[in-house]
Amino acid sequence: MKYLMKYVVTKDVSIPVKDLLKETKTSRIRDCYSDQLFFHTMSRKNDTIIARSMTRIMSRNQSNVPE
């Protein structure tokens, strides 16, 4: 049985650039203040990245998934 990790947008958040360290705008980052995972958007205002808060949801996948 295979499972896919799905993400549901719960809110938009602002993350200071200094908290991103060496992460890139396409990478997955972990907010140092919570266990939420965030995906970057392309938005950048001043020294803040506007990111989208993604909640992890496990769901059963009916199709074949490449390993």
PDB file of N, CA and C in Angstrom:
ATOM      1  N   MET A   1       0.845  -1.196   0.000  1.00  0.00           N
ATOM      2  CA  MET A   1       0.000   0.000   0.000  1.00  0.00           C
ATOM      3  C   MET A   1       0.882   1.248   0.000  1.00  0.00           C
ATOM      4  N   LYS A   2       0.606   2.125  -0.928  1.00  0.00           N
ATOM      5  CA  LYS A   2       1.418   3.335  -1.018  1.00  0.00           C
ATOM      6  C   LYS A   2       0.628   4.553  -0.557  1.00  0.00           C
ATOM      7  N   TYR A   3       1.342   5.505  -0.042  1.00  0.00           N
ATOM      8  CA  TYR A   3       0.702   6.728   0.424  1.00  0.00           C
ATOM      9  C   TYR A   3       1.404   7.931  -0.184  1.00  0.00           C
ATOM     10  N   LEU A   4       0.620   8.945  -0.475  1.00  0.00           N
ATOM     11  CA  LEU A   4       1.190  10.212  -0.932  1.00  0.00           C
ATOM     12  C   LEU A   4       1.082  11.226   0.188  1.00  0.00           C
ATOM     13  N   MET A   5       2.087  12.070   0.301  1.00  0.00           N
ATOM     14  CA  MET A   5       2.019  13.163   1.254  1.00  0.00           C
ATOM     15  C   MET A   5       1.349  14.330   0.546  1.00  0.00           C
ATOM     16  N   LYS A   6       0.200  14.733   1.043  1.00  0.00           N
ATOM     17  CA  LYS A   6      -0.500  15.859   0.434  1.00  0.00           C
ATOM     18  C   LYS A   6      -0.413  17.066   1.349  1.00  0.00           C
ATOM     19  N   TYR A   7      -0.532  18.233   0.744  1.00  0.00           N
ATOM     20  CA  TYR A   7      -0.412  19.473   1.501  1.00  0.00           C
ATOM     21  C   TYR A   7      -1.656  20.324   1.304  1.00  0.00           C
ATOM     22  N   VAL A   8      -2.186  20.838   2.379  1.00  0.00           N
ATOM     23  CA  VAL A   8      -3.355  21.699   2.318  1.00  0.00           C
ATOM     24  C   VAL A   8      -2.963  23.081   2.822  1.00  0.00           C
ATOM     25  N   VAL A   9      -3.290  24.095   2.037  1.00  0.00           N
ATOM     26  CA  VAL A   9      -2.937  25.459   2.430  1.00  0.00           C
ATOM     27  C   VAL A   9      -3.807  25.890   3.603  1.00  0.00           C
ATOM     28  N   THR A  10      -3.169  26.292   4.688  1.00  0.00           N
ATOM     29  CA  THR A  10      -3.921  26.714   5.858  1.00  0.00           C
ATOM     30  C   THR A  10      -3.863  28.228   6.061  1.00  0.00           C
ATOM     31  N   LYS A  11      -2.779  28.834   5.655  1.00  0.00           N
ATOM     32  CA  LYS A  11      -2.657  30.286   5.783  1.00  0.00           C
ATOM     33  C   LYS A  11      -1.386  30.751   5.102  1.00  0.00           C
ATOM     34  N   ASP A  12      -1.316  32.052   4.829  1.00  0.00           N
ATOM     35  CA  ASP A  12      -0.087  32.630   4.308  1.00  0.00           C
ATOM     36  C   ASP A  12       0.682  33.232   5.473  1.00  0.00           C
ATOM     37  N   VAL A  13       1.985  33.062   5.462  1.00  0.00           N
ATOM     38  CA  VAL A  13       2.805  33.573   6.553  1.00  0.00           C
ATOM     39  C   VAL A  13       3.992  34.348   6.010  1.00  0.00           C
ATOM     40  N   SER A  14       4.549  35.199   6.838  1.00  0.00           N
ATOM     41  CA  SER A  14       5.750  35.937   6.474  1.00  0.00           C
ATOM     42  C   SER A  14       6.925  35.364   7.247  1.00  0.00           C
ATOM     43  N   ILE A  15       8.006  35.085   6.542  1.00  0.00           N
ATOM     44  CA  ILE A  15       9.191  34.521   7.175  1.00  0.00           C
ATOM     45  C   ILE A  15      10.387  35.417   6.884  1.00  0.00           C
ATOM     46  N   PRO A  16      11.069  35.898   7.925  1.00  0.00           N
ATOM     47  CA  PRO A  16      12.250  36.731   7.724  1.00  0.00           C
ATOM     48  C   PRO A  16      13.309  35.987   6.924  1.00  0.00           C
ATOM     49  N   VAL A  17      13.952  36.694   6.009  1.00  0.00           N
ATOM     50  CA  VAL A  17      14.969  36.086   5.160  1.00  0.00           C
ATOM     51  C   VAL A  17      16.085  35.462   5.992  1.00  0.00           C
ATOM     52  N   LYS A  18      16.437  36.097   7.098  1.00  0.00           N
ATOM     53  CA  LYS A  18      17.516  35.567   7.935  1.00  0.00           C
ATOM     54  C   LYS A  18      17.179  34.190   8.493  1.00  0.00           C
ATOM     55  N   ASP A  19      15.875  33.872   8.612  1.00  0.00           N
ATOM     56  CA  ASP A  19      15.469  32.565   9.120  1.00  0.00           C
ATOM     57  C   ASP A  19      15.556  31.483   8.056  1.00  0.00           C
ATOM     58  N   LEU A  20      15.685  31.888   6.811  1.00  0.00           N
ATOM     59  CA  LEU A  20      15.739  30.916   5.724  1.00  0.00           C
ATOM     60  C   LEU A  20      17.117  30.303   5.578  1.00  0.00           C
ATOM     61  N   LEU A  21      18.125  30.995   6.144  1.00  0.00           N
ATOM     62  CA  LEU A  21      19.493  30.526   6.054  1.00  0.00           C
ATOM     63  C   LEU A  21      19.884  30.286   4.604  1.00  0.00           C
ATOM     64  N   LYS A  22      20.313  29.075   4.259  1.00  0.00           N
ATOM     65  CA  LYS A  22      20.806  28.822   2.913  1.00  0.00           C
ATOM     66  C   LYS A  22      19.752  28.206   1.997  1.00  0.00           C
ATOM     67  N   GLU A  23      18.501  28.166   2.468  1.00  0.00           N
ATOM     68  CA  GLU A  23      17.450  27.550   1.663  1.00  0.00           C
ATOM     69  C   GLU A  23      17.147  28.408   0.437  1.00  0.00           C
ATOM     70  N   THR A  24      16.742  27.762  -0.643  1.00  0.00           N
ATOM     71  CA  THR A  24      16.401  28.487  -1.861  1.00  0.00           C
ATOM     72  C   THR A  24      14.902  28.681  -1.953  1.00  0.00           C
ATOM     73  N   LYS A  25      14.492  29.513  -2.888  1.00  0.00           N
ATOM     74  CA  LYS A  25      13.068  29.821  -2.998  1.00  0.00           C
ATOM     75  C   LYS A  25      12.233  28.651  -3.504  1.00  0.00           C
ATOM     76  N   THR A  26      12.895  27.588  -3.966  1.00  0.00           N
ATOM     77  CA  THR A  26      12.144  26.428  -4.446  1.00  0.00           C
ATOM     78  C   THR A  26      12.198  25.264  -3.471  1.00  0.00           C
ATOM     79  N   SER A  27      12.915  25.441  -2.380  1.00  0.00           N
ATOM     80  CA  SER A  27      13.085  24.325  -1.450  1.00  0.00           C
ATOM     81  C   SER A  27      12.031  24.339  -0.357  1.00  0.00           C
ATOM     82  N   ARG A  28      11.953  23.246   0.339  1.00  0.00           N
ATOM     83  CA  ARG A  28      11.033  23.129   1.450  1.00  0.00           C
ATOM     84  C   ARG A  28      11.763  23.615   2.696  1.00  0.00           C
ATOM     85  N   ILE A  29      11.122  24.443   3.481  1.00  0.00           N
ATOM     86  CA  ILE A  29      11.780  24.942   4.692  1.00  0.00           C
ATOM     87  C   ILE A  29      10.932  24.627   5.910  1.00  0.00           C
ATOM     88  N   ARG A  30      11.567  24.579   7.041  1.00  0.00           N
ATOM     89  CA  ARG A  30      10.850  24.378   8.292  1.00  0.00           C
ATOM     90  C   ARG A  30      10.951  25.657   9.112  1.00  0.00           C
ATOM     91  N   ASP A  31       9.813  26.166   9.485  1.00  0.00           N
ATOM     92  CA  ASP A  31       9.787  27.368  10.309  1.00  0.00           C
ATOM     93  C   ASP A  31      10.357  27.039  11.682  1.00  0.00           C
ATOM     94  N   CYS A  32      11.274  27.856  12.162  1.00  0.00           N
ATOM     95  CA  CYS A  32      11.937  27.568  13.431  1.00  0.00           C
ATOM     96  C   CYS A  32      10.996  27.744  14.621  1.00  0.00           C
ATOM     97  N   TYR A  33       9.804  28.285  14.391  1.00  0.00           N
ATOM     98  CA  TYR A  33       8.884  28.521  15.502  1.00  0.00           C
ATOM     99  C   TYR A  33       7.755  27.497  15.572  1.00  0.00           C
ATOM    100  N   SER A  34       7.696  26.578  14.618  1.00  0.00           N
ATOM    101  CA  SER A  34       6.625  25.584  14.631  1.00  0.00           C
ATOM    102  C   SER A  34       7.028  24.341  13.864  1.00  0.00           C
ATOM    103  N   ASP A  35       6.181  23.338  13.883  1.00  0.00           N
ATOM    104  CA  ASP A  35       6.461  22.102  13.162  1.00  0.00           C
ATOM    105  C   ASP A  35       5.828  22.097  11.777  1.00  0.00           C
ATOM    106  N   GLN A  36       5.231  23.225  11.391  1.00  0.00           N
ATOM    107  CA  GLN A  36       4.616  23.314  10.075  1.00  0.00           C
ATOM    108  C   GLN A  36       5.694  23.341   9.006  1.00  0.00           C
ATOM    109  N   LEU A  37       5.385  22.754   7.858  1.00  0.00           N
ATOM    110  CA  LEU A  37       6.270  22.877   6.706  1.00  0.00           C
ATOM    111  C   LEU A  37       5.769  24.020   5.839  1.00  0.00           C
ATOM    112  N   PHE A  38       6.706  24.716   5.224  1.00  0.00           N
ATOM    113  CA  PHE A  38       6.315  25.828   4.369  1.00  0.00           C
ATOM    114  C   PHE A  38       6.928  25.680   2.994  1.00  0.00           C
ATOM    115  N   PHE A  39       6.160  26.004   1.974  1.00  0.00           N
ATOM    116  CA  PHE A  39       6.701  26.113   0.634  1.00  0.00           C
ATOM    117  C   PHE A  39       6.806  27.595   0.314  1.00  0.00           C
ATOM    118  N   HIS A  40       7.938  28.003  -0.230  1.00  0.00           N
ATOM    119  CA  HIS A  40       8.100  29.398  -0.593  1.00  0.00           C
ATOM    120  C   HIS A  40       7.201  29.742  -1.760  1.00  0.00           C
ATOM    121  N   THR A  41       6.718  30.947  -1.754  1.00  0.00           N
ATOM    122  CA  THR A  41       6.156  31.501  -2.974  1.00  0.00           C
ATOM    123  C   THR A  41       7.244  32.377  -3.566  1.00  0.00           C
ATOM    124  N   MET A  42       6.988  32.987  -4.705  1.00  0.00           N
ATOM    125  CA  MET A  42       7.991  33.839  -5.321  1.00  0.00           C
ATOM    126  C   MET A  42       7.980  35.251  -4.730  1.00  0.00           C
ATOM    127  N   SER A  43       7.014  35.526  -3.875  1.00  0.00           N
ATOM    128  CA  SER A  43       6.886  36.870  -3.325  1.00  0.00           C
ATOM    129  C   SER A  43       8.001  37.194  -2.339  1.00  0.00           C
ATOM    130  N   ARG A  44       8.615  38.339  -2.519  1.00  0.00           N
ATOM    131  CA  ARG A  44       9.602  38.795  -1.552  1.00  0.00           C
ATOM    132  C   ARG A  44       9.439  40.289  -1.363  1.00  0.00           C
ATOM    133  N   LYS A  45       9.171  40.704  -0.148  1.00  0.00           N
ATOM    134  CA  LYS A  45       9.009  42.123   0.149  1.00  0.00           C
ATOM    135  C   LYS A  45      10.032  42.502   1.213  1.00  0.00           C
ATOM    136  N   ASN A  46      10.869  43.459   0.879  1.00  0.00           N
ATOM    137  CA  ASN A  46      11.929  43.867   1.788  1.00  0.00           C
ATOM    138  C   ASN A  46      12.758  42.652   2.182  1.00  0.00           C
ATOM    139  N   ASP A  47      12.835  42.349   3.465  1.00  0.00           N
ATOM    140  CA  ASP A  47      13.630  41.198   3.906  1.00  0.00           C
ATOM    141  C   ASP A  47      12.738  40.068   4.393  1.00  0.00           C
ATOM    142  N   THR A  48      11.545  39.984   3.819  1.00  0.00           N
ATOM    143  CA  THR A  48      10.614  38.948   4.251  1.00  0.00           C
ATOM    144  C   THR A  48      10.123  38.130   3.072  1.00  0.00           C
ATOM    145  N   ILE A  49      10.126  36.819   3.237  1.00  0.00           N
ATOM    146  CA  ILE A  49       9.554  35.932   2.226  1.00  0.00           C
ATOM    147  C   ILE A  49       8.106  35.654   2.614  1.00  0.00           C
ATOM    148  N   ILE A  50       7.210  35.866   1.657  1.00  0.00           N
ATOM    149  CA  ILE A  50       5.823  35.519   1.908  1.00  0.00           C
ATOM    150  C   ILE A  50       5.655  34.052   1.534  1.00  0.00           C
ATOM    151  N   ALA A  51       5.384  33.230   2.522  1.00  0.00           N
ATOM    152  CA  ALA A  51       5.305  31.794   2.286  1.00  0.00           C
ATOM    153  C   ALA A  51       3.909  31.283   2.564  1.00  0.00           C
ATOM    154  N   ARG A  52       3.658  30.097   2.060  1.00  0.00           N
ATOM    155  CA  ARG A  52       2.354  29.511   2.249  1.00  0.00           C
ATOM    156  C   ARG A  52       2.463  28.355   3.239  1.00  0.00           C
ATOM    157  N   SER A  53       1.645  28.416   4.262  1.00  0.00           N
ATOM    158  CA  SER A  53       1.669  27.368   5.282  1.00  0.00           C
ATOM    159  C   SER A  53       0.964  26.130   4.750  1.00  0.00           C
ATOM    160  N   MET A  54       1.675  25.003   4.773  1.00  0.00           N
ATOM    161  CA  MET A  54       1.120  23.779   4.229  1.00  0.00           C
ATOM    162  C   MET A  54       0.975  22.732   5.327  1.00  0.00           C
ATOM    163  N   THR A  55      -0.209  22.225   5.497  1.00  0.00           N
ATOM    164  CA  THR A  55      -0.435  21.194   6.495  1.00  0.00           C
ATOM    165  C   THR A  55      -0.318  19.824   5.843  1.00  0.00           C
ATOM    166  N   ARG A  56       0.462  18.966   6.460  1.00  0.00           N
ATOM    167  CA  ARG A  56       0.693  17.640   5.895  1.00  0.00           C
ATOM    168  C   ARG A  56      -0.497  16.706   6.125  1.00  0.00           C
ATOM    169  N   ILE A  57      -0.891  16.049   5.061  1.00  0.00           N
ATOM    170  CA  ILE A  57      -1.985  15.085   5.169  1.00  0.00           C
ATOM    171  C   ILE A  57      -1.597  13.808   4.437  1.00  0.00           C
ATOM    172  N   MET A  58      -1.655  12.692   5.147  1.00  0.00           N
ATOM    173  CA  MET A  58      -1.360  11.418   4.508  1.00  0.00           C
ATOM    174  C   MET A  58      -2.629  10.881   3.867  1.00  0.00           C
ATOM    175  N   SER A  59      -2.508  10.424   2.631  1.00  0.00           N
ATOM    176  CA  SER A  59      -3.672   9.857   1.970  1.00  0.00           C
ATOM    177  C   SER A  59      -3.262   8.665   1.125  1.00  0.00           C
ATOM    178  N   ARG A  60      -4.171   7.753   0.950  1.00  0.00           N
ATOM    179  CA  ARG A  60      -3.873   6.567   0.169  1.00  0.00           C
ATOM    180  C   ARG A  60      -3.856   6.921  -1.310  1.00  0.00           C
ATOM    181  N   ASN A  61      -2.833   6.429  -1.992  1.00  0.00           N
ATOM    182  CA  ASN A  61      -2.714   6.695  -3.424  1.00  0.00           C
ATOM    183  C   ASN A  61      -3.154   5.462  -4.198  1.00  0.00           C
ATOM    184  N   GLN A  62      -4.088   5.629  -5.124  1.00  0.00           N
ATOM    185  CA  GLN A  62      -4.624   4.498  -5.877  1.00  0.00           C
ATOM    186  C   GLN A  62      -3.768   4.140  -7.082  1.00  0.00           C
ATOM    187  N   SER A  63      -2.924   5.058  -7.503  1.00  0.00           N
ATOM    188  CA  SER A  63      -2.118   4.809  -8.698  1.00  0.00           C
ATOM    189  C   SER A  63      -0.680   4.475  -8.322  1.00  0.00           C
ATOM    190  N   ASN A  64       0.079   4.027  -9.294  1.00  0.00           N
ATOM    191  CA  ASN A  64       1.485   3.709  -9.053  1.00  0.00           C
ATOM    192  C   ASN A  64       2.303   4.981  -8.968  1.00  0.00           C
ATOM    193  N   VAL A  65       3.178   5.015  -8.002  1.00  0.00           N
ATOM    194  CA  VAL A  65       4.016   6.190  -7.811  1.00  0.00           C
ATOM    195  C   VAL A  65       5.472   5.804  -8.016  1.00  0.00           C
ATOM    196  N   PRO A  66       6.189   6.549  -8.849  1.00  0.00           N
ATOM    197  CA  PRO A  66       7.625   6.277  -9.020  1.00  0.00           C
ATOM    198  C   PRO A  66       8.342   6.389  -7.688  1.00  0.00           C
ATOM    199  N   GLU A  67       9.240   5.486  -7.445  1.00  0.00           N
ATOM    200  CA  GLU A  67       9.975   5.510  -6.172  1.00  0.00           C
ATOM    201  C   GLU A  67      10.926   6.684  -6.148  1.00  0.00           C
TER     202      GLU A  67
END
